[in-house]
Amino acid sequence: MKQMTKQFGIFAALLLILLPSLPTMAGTEEVQQTINKFKKKDGGINSFFKSSYAYAVFPTVGKGGIGIGGAYGKGYVYHSGKKIGEAKLTQVSVGFQLGGQAYSEIIFFQNKSTFDKFTNGDLKFGAGVSAVAVTSGAAARTSFNRGVAVFTMEKGGLMYEATVAGQSFKYEGKK
């Protein structure tokens, strides 16, 4: 119990240090730059942009942890190439972990049913859905899993981990 309290105290201190650097709402220009970077790294990802019902782009997701960890990011949601809302991504992880990193993430929704789960807050990622690190040709080897395809690209930092994590989302439609 004492060890857990110590770890929580260290984690809380780390969060207070990292809080000012947490990502703010990305601008449309930053989202487009992120999409361009993904397409440049792997041109095959274009097929997901064309065939998906909708997609969410998180230009920067900040992640950190010591024993207990978390991640947070904000982005925009698109349908037929038009921005239709904003989204927040949160993640909690437990297990061996130490460090911090930043990455970009794009989530493609295969159909309206899966997208509706996302917009209603019912879509959560656990062990059944894993992200694909974007490398040349990665998209060609990737298919939808449970109605989603998730791609990530590292931006920086260093994180050692062997964790169990789950992502959840909050969607807010365009006003």
C-alpha atoms as a PDB file:
ATOM      1  CA  MET A   1       0.000   0.000   0.000  1.00  0.00           C
ATOM      2  CA  LYS A   2       2.837   2.359   0.872  1.00  0.00           C
ATOM      3  CA  GLN A   3       4.504   1.638  -2.494  1.00  0.00           C
ATOM      4  CA  MET A   4       1.241   2.346  -4.339  1.00  0.00           C
ATOM      5  CA  THR A   5       0.837   5.666  -2.499  1.00  0.00           C
ATOM      6  CA  LYS A   6       4.412   6.613  -3.404  1.00  0.00           C
ATOM      7  CA  GLN A   7       3.816   5.719  -7.074  1.00  0.00           C
ATOM      8  CA  PHE A   8       0.607   7.727  -7.121  1.00  0.00           C
ATOM      9  CA  GLY A   9       2.416  10.737  -5.617  1.00  0.00           C
ATOM     10  CA  ILE A  10       5.137  10.522  -8.259  1.00  0.00           C
ATOM     11  CA  PHE A  11       2.520  10.164 -10.983  1.00  0.00           C
ATOM     12  CA  ALA A  12       0.581  13.178  -9.691  1.00  0.00           C
ATOM     13  CA  ALA A  13       3.775  15.258  -9.617  1.00  0.00           C
ATOM     14  CA  LEU A  14       4.577  14.161 -13.170  1.00  0.00           C
ATOM     15  CA  LEU A  15       1.103  15.178 -14.327  1.00  0.00           C
ATOM     16  CA  LEU A  16       1.480  18.602 -12.724  1.00  0.00           C
ATOM     17  CA  ILE A  17       4.767  19.068 -14.562  1.00  0.00           C
ATOM     18  CA  LEU A  18       3.347  17.850 -17.877  1.00  0.00           C
ATOM     19  CA  LEU A  19      -0.044  19.610 -17.606  1.00  0.00           C
ATOM     20  CA  PRO A  20       1.108  22.830 -19.282  1.00  0.00           C
ATOM     21  CA  SER A  21       2.361  20.846 -22.270  1.00  0.00           C
ATOM     22  CA  LEU A  22      -0.820  18.814 -22.773  1.00  0.00           C
ATOM     23  CA  PRO A  23      -2.190  19.252 -26.269  1.00  0.00           C
ATOM     24  CA  THR A  24      -4.676  22.013 -26.887  1.00  0.00           C
ATOM     25  CA  MET A  25      -7.353  21.837 -29.558  1.00  0.00           C
ATOM     26  CA  ALA A  26      -5.612  21.368 -32.849  1.00  0.00           C
ATOM     27  CA  GLY A  27      -6.292  23.831 -35.604  1.00  0.00           C
ATOM     28  CA  THR A  28      -7.514  22.767 -39.025  1.00  0.00           C
ATOM     29  CA  GLU A  29      -4.038  23.471 -40.427  1.00  0.00           C
ATOM     30  CA  GLU A  30      -2.375  21.171 -37.885  1.00  0.00           C
ATOM     31  CA  VAL A  31      -4.877  18.425 -38.691  1.00  0.00           C
ATOM     32  CA  GLN A  32      -4.140  18.751 -42.415  1.00  0.00           C
ATOM     33  CA  GLN A  33      -0.381  18.625 -41.719  1.00  0.00           C
ATOM     34  CA  THR A  34      -0.918  15.449 -39.700  1.00  0.00           C
ATOM     35  CA  ILE A  35      -2.931  13.846 -42.507  1.00  0.00           C
ATOM     36  CA  ASN A  36      -0.219  14.819 -45.020  1.00  0.00           C
ATOM     37  CA  LYS A  37       2.505  13.259 -42.818  1.00  0.00           C
ATOM     38  CA  PHE A  38       0.555   9.995 -42.597  1.00  0.00           C
ATOM     39  CA  LYS A  39       0.006   9.959 -46.383  1.00  0.00           C
ATOM     40  CA  LYS A  40       3.668  10.729 -47.059  1.00  0.00           C
ATOM     41  CA  LYS A  41       4.825   7.938 -44.739  1.00  0.00           C
ATOM     42  CA  ASP A  42       2.407   5.411 -46.289  1.00  0.00           C
ATOM     43  CA  GLY A  43       0.472   6.302 -49.445  1.00  0.00           C
ATOM     44  CA  GLY A  44      -1.682   3.210 -48.948  1.00  0.00           C
ATOM     45  CA  ILE A  45      -3.540   4.989 -46.165  1.00  0.00           C
ATOM     46  CA  ASN A  46      -5.410   6.916 -48.892  1.00  0.00           C
ATOM     47  CA  SER A  47      -7.650   3.880 -49.328  1.00  0.00           C
ATOM     48  CA  PHE A  48      -8.859   4.293 -45.735  1.00  0.00           C
ATOM     49  CA  PHE A  49      -9.629   7.984 -46.279  1.00  0.00           C
ATOM     50  CA  LYS A  50     -11.647   7.041 -49.396  1.00  0.00           C
ATOM     51  CA  SER A  51     -13.503   3.989 -48.089  1.00  0.00           C
ATOM     52  CA  SER A  52     -14.220   4.938 -44.463  1.00  0.00           C
ATOM     53  CA  TYR A  53     -17.575   6.259 -43.348  1.00  0.00           C
ATOM     54  CA  ALA A  54     -15.783   8.836 -41.136  1.00  0.00           C
ATOM     55  CA  TYR A  55     -12.465   9.403 -39.383  1.00  0.00           C
ATOM     56  CA  ALA A  56     -11.021  11.217 -36.356  1.00  0.00           C
ATOM     57  CA  VAL A  57      -7.609  12.919 -36.417  1.00  0.00           C
ATOM     58  CA  PHE A  58      -5.660  13.555 -33.205  1.00  0.00           C
ATOM     59  CA  PRO A  59      -2.537  15.555 -34.186  1.00  0.00           C
ATOM     60  CA  THR A  60      -0.943  15.231 -30.747  1.00  0.00           C
ATOM     61  CA  VAL A  61      -1.665  12.736 -28.000  1.00  0.00           C
ATOM     62  CA  GLY A  62       0.481  13.205 -24.902  1.00  0.00           C
ATOM     63  CA  LYS A  63       1.218  10.079 -22.886  1.00  0.00           C
ATOM     64  CA  GLY A  64       3.110   9.535 -19.627  1.00  0.00           C
ATOM     65  CA  GLY A  65       3.341   7.270 -16.665  1.00  0.00           C
ATOM     66  CA  ILE A  66       5.178   5.742 -13.763  1.00  0.00           C
ATOM     67  CA  GLY A  67       3.399   2.501 -12.866  1.00  0.00           C
ATOM     68  CA  ILE A  68       0.053   4.143 -13.563  1.00  0.00           C
ATOM     69  CA  GLY A  69      -0.208   6.148 -16.752  1.00  0.00           C
ATOM     70  CA  GLY A  70      -2.472   8.168 -18.910  1.00  0.00           C
ATOM     71  CA  ALA A  71      -2.799   9.811 -22.286  1.00  0.00           C
ATOM     72  CA  TYR A  72      -4.851  12.701 -23.608  1.00  0.00           C
ATOM     73  CA  GLY A  73      -5.458  14.307 -26.977  1.00  0.00           C
ATOM     74  CA  LYS A  74      -7.914  16.519 -28.849  1.00  0.00           C
ATOM     75  CA  GLY A  75      -8.808  16.452 -32.503  1.00  0.00           C
ATOM     76  CA  TYR A  76     -11.418  16.797 -35.198  1.00  0.00           C
ATOM     77  CA  VAL A  77     -13.860  14.341 -36.745  1.00  0.00           C
ATOM     78  CA  TYR A  78     -14.598  14.205 -40.485  1.00  0.00           C
ATOM     79  CA  HIS A  79     -17.322  12.684 -42.664  1.00  0.00           C
ATOM     80  CA  SER A  80     -17.040  12.826 -46.465  1.00  0.00           C
ATOM     81  CA  GLY A  81     -13.967  15.036 -46.039  1.00  0.00           C
ATOM     82  CA  LYS A  82     -15.859  17.712 -44.074  1.00  0.00           C
ATOM     83  CA  LYS A  83     -15.282  18.556 -40.425  1.00  0.00           C
ATOM     84  CA  ILE A  84     -18.361  17.583 -38.419  1.00  0.00           C
ATOM     85  CA  GLY A  85     -17.162  17.751 -34.825  1.00  0.00           C
ATOM     86  CA  GLU A  86     -14.474  17.591 -32.184  1.00  0.00           C
ATOM     87  CA  ALA A  87     -13.256  14.688 -30.093  1.00  0.00           C
ATOM     88  CA  LYS A  88     -11.227  14.067 -26.960  1.00  0.00           C
ATOM     89  CA  LEU A  89      -9.219  10.903 -26.391  1.00  0.00           C
ATOM     90  CA  THR A  90      -8.314   9.686 -22.911  1.00  0.00           C
ATOM     91  CA  GLN A  91      -6.386   6.595 -21.922  1.00  0.00           C
ATOM     92  CA  VAL A  92      -5.541   4.977 -18.618  1.00  0.00           C
ATOM     93  CA  SER A  93      -2.875   2.288 -18.360  1.00  0.00           C
ATOM     94  CA  VAL A  94      -1.638   0.049 -15.570  1.00  0.00           C
ATOM     95  CA  GLY A  95       1.560  -2.002 -15.523  1.00  0.00           C
ATOM     96  CA  PHE A  96       5.275  -1.475 -15.952  1.00  0.00           C
ATOM     97  CA  GLN A  97       5.795   1.940 -17.535  1.00  0.00           C
ATOM     98  CA  LEU A  98       8.156   4.836 -17.218  1.00  0.00           C
ATOM     99  CA  GLY A  99       8.486   7.971 -19.300  1.00  0.00           C
ATOM    100  CA  GLY A 100       6.503  10.147 -21.622  1.00  0.00           C
ATOM    101  CA  GLN A 101       5.891  10.486 -25.322  1.00  0.00           C
ATOM    102  CA  ALA A 102       3.775  12.229 -27.910  1.00  0.00           C
ATOM    103  CA  TYR A 103       2.185  10.664 -30.970  1.00  0.00           C
ATOM    104  CA  SER A 104      -0.438  11.352 -33.621  1.00  0.00           C
ATOM    105  CA  GLU A 105      -3.435   9.067 -34.133  1.00  0.00           C
ATOM    106  CA  ILE A 106      -6.048   8.640 -36.860  1.00  0.00           C
ATOM    107  CA  ILE A 107      -9.079   6.418 -36.309  1.00  0.00           C
ATOM    108  CA  PHE A 108     -11.086   5.289 -39.350  1.00  0.00           C
ATOM    109  CA  PHE A 109     -14.693   4.172 -38.888  1.00  0.00           C
ATOM    110  CA  GLN A 110     -15.776   1.507 -41.359  1.00  0.00           C
ATOM    111  CA  ASN A 111     -19.511   2.197 -41.224  1.00  0.00           C
ATOM    112  CA  LYS A 112     -22.245   4.344 -39.696  1.00  0.00           C
ATOM    113  CA  SER A 113     -22.945   1.812 -36.945  1.00  0.00           C
ATOM    114  CA  THR A 114     -19.396   1.980 -35.597  1.00  0.00           C
ATOM    115  CA  PHE A 115     -19.325   5.762 -36.011  1.00  0.00           C
ATOM    116  CA  ASP A 116     -22.586   6.040 -34.040  1.00  0.00           C
ATOM    117  CA  LYS A 117     -20.982   4.089 -31.172  1.00  0.00           C
ATOM    118  CA  PHE A 118     -18.118   6.591 -31.237  1.00  0.00           C
ATOM    119  CA  THR A 119     -20.376   9.663 -31.229  1.00  0.00           C
ATOM    120  CA  ASN A 120     -22.533   8.208 -28.427  1.00  0.00           C
ATOM    121  CA  GLY A 121     -19.474   7.522 -26.243  1.00  0.00           C
ATOM    122  CA  ASP A 122     -19.990   3.755 -26.457  1.00  0.00           C
ATOM    123  CA  LEU A 123     -16.785   3.007 -28.378  1.00  0.00           C
ATOM    124  CA  LYS A 124     -13.847   2.108 -26.166  1.00  0.00           C
ATOM    125  CA  PHE A 125     -10.617   0.420 -27.154  1.00  0.00           C
ATOM    126  CA  GLY A 126      -9.254  -2.354 -25.022  1.00  0.00           C
ATOM    127  CA  ALA A 127      -7.218  -5.425 -25.762  1.00  0.00           C
ATOM    128  CA  GLY A 128      -9.293  -6.278 -28.840  1.00  0.00           C
ATOM    129  CA  VAL A 129      -8.243  -3.277 -30.930  1.00  0.00           C
ATOM    130  CA  SER A 130      -4.642  -2.375 -31.546  1.00  0.00           C
ATOM    131  CA  ALA A 131      -3.073   0.548 -33.352  1.00  0.00           C
ATOM    132  CA  VAL A 132      -0.800   0.150 -36.363  1.00  0.00           C
ATOM    133  CA  ALA A 133       2.379   2.230 -36.401  1.00  0.00           C
ATOM    134  CA  VAL A 134       2.516   3.937 -39.787  1.00  0.00           C
ATOM    135  CA  THR A 135       5.400   2.709 -41.909  1.00  0.00           C
ATOM    136  CA  SER A 136       5.682   2.331 -45.644  1.00  0.00           C
ATOM    137  CA  GLY A 137       3.209  -0.377 -46.668  1.00  0.00           C
ATOM    138  CA  ALA A 138       1.530  -0.713 -43.255  1.00  0.00           C
ATOM    139  CA  ALA A 139      -1.902   0.269 -44.588  1.00  0.00           C
ATOM    140  CA  ALA A 140      -1.815  -2.495 -47.200  1.00  0.00           C
ATOM    141  CA  ARG A 141      -1.374  -5.056 -44.397  1.00  0.00           C
ATOM    142  CA  THR A 142      -4.143  -3.551 -42.245  1.00  0.00           C
ATOM    143  CA  SER A 143      -7.881  -4.116 -42.246  1.00  0.00           C
ATOM    144  CA  PHE A 144     -10.781  -2.980 -40.099  1.00  0.00           C
ATOM    145  CA  ASN A 145     -11.100  -4.710 -36.724  1.00  0.00           C
ATOM    146  CA  ARG A 146     -14.500  -4.409 -35.025  1.00  0.00           C
ATOM    147  CA  GLY A 147     -15.353  -1.610 -37.454  1.00  0.00           C
ATOM    148  CA  VAL A 148     -12.277   0.542 -36.845  1.00  0.00           C
ATOM    149  CA  ALA A 149      -8.721   0.881 -38.142  1.00  0.00           C
ATOM    150  CA  VAL A 150      -6.294   2.840 -35.957  1.00  0.00           C
ATOM    151  CA  PHE A 151      -2.983   4.265 -37.145  1.00  0.00           C
ATOM    152  CA  THR A 152      -0.374   6.045 -35.025  1.00  0.00           C
ATOM    153  CA  MET A 153       2.831   7.929 -35.738  1.00  0.00           C
ATOM    154  CA  GLU A 154       5.379   8.745 -33.053  1.00  0.00           C
ATOM    155  CA  LYS A 155       6.251  12.414 -32.597  1.00  0.00           C
ATOM    156  CA  GLY A 156       8.826  12.189 -29.802  1.00  0.00           C
ATOM    157  CA  GLY A 157       9.683  11.143 -26.285  1.00  0.00           C
ATOM    158  CA  LEU A 158      10.679   7.884 -24.698  1.00  0.00           C
ATOM    159  CA  MET A 159       8.395   5.457 -22.932  1.00  0.00           C
ATOM    160  CA  TYR A 160       9.129   1.978 -21.602  1.00  0.00           C
ATOM    161  CA  GLU A 161       6.002  -0.017 -21.052  1.00  0.00           C
ATOM    162  CA  ALA A 162       4.326  -3.371 -20.709  1.00  0.00           C
ATOM    163  CA  THR A 163       0.819  -2.302 -19.834  1.00  0.00           C
ATOM    164  CA  VAL A 164      -2.874  -2.941 -20.128  1.00  0.00           C
ATOM    165  CA  ALA A 165      -4.576   0.187 -21.426  1.00  0.00           C
ATOM    166  CA  GLY A 166      -7.934   1.328 -22.664  1.00  0.00           C
ATOM    167  CA  GLN A 167      -8.851   4.368 -24.743  1.00  0.00           C
ATOM    168  CA  SER A 168     -12.167   6.147 -24.484  1.00  0.00           C
ATOM    169  CA  PHE A 169     -13.563   9.072 -26.429  1.00  0.00           C
ATOM    170  CA  LYS A 170     -15.855  12.031 -26.046  1.00  0.00           C
ATOM    171  CA  TYR A 171     -17.441  13.474 -29.207  1.00  0.00           C
ATOM    172  CA  GLU A 172     -19.014  16.865 -29.630  1.00  0.00           C
ATOM    173  CA  GLY A 173     -20.795  17.611 -32.913  1.00  0.00           C
ATOM    174  CA  LYS A 174     -20.325  20.854 -34.793  1.00  0.00           C
ATOM    175  CA  LYS A 175     -22.523  23.637 -33.479  1.00  0.00           C
END
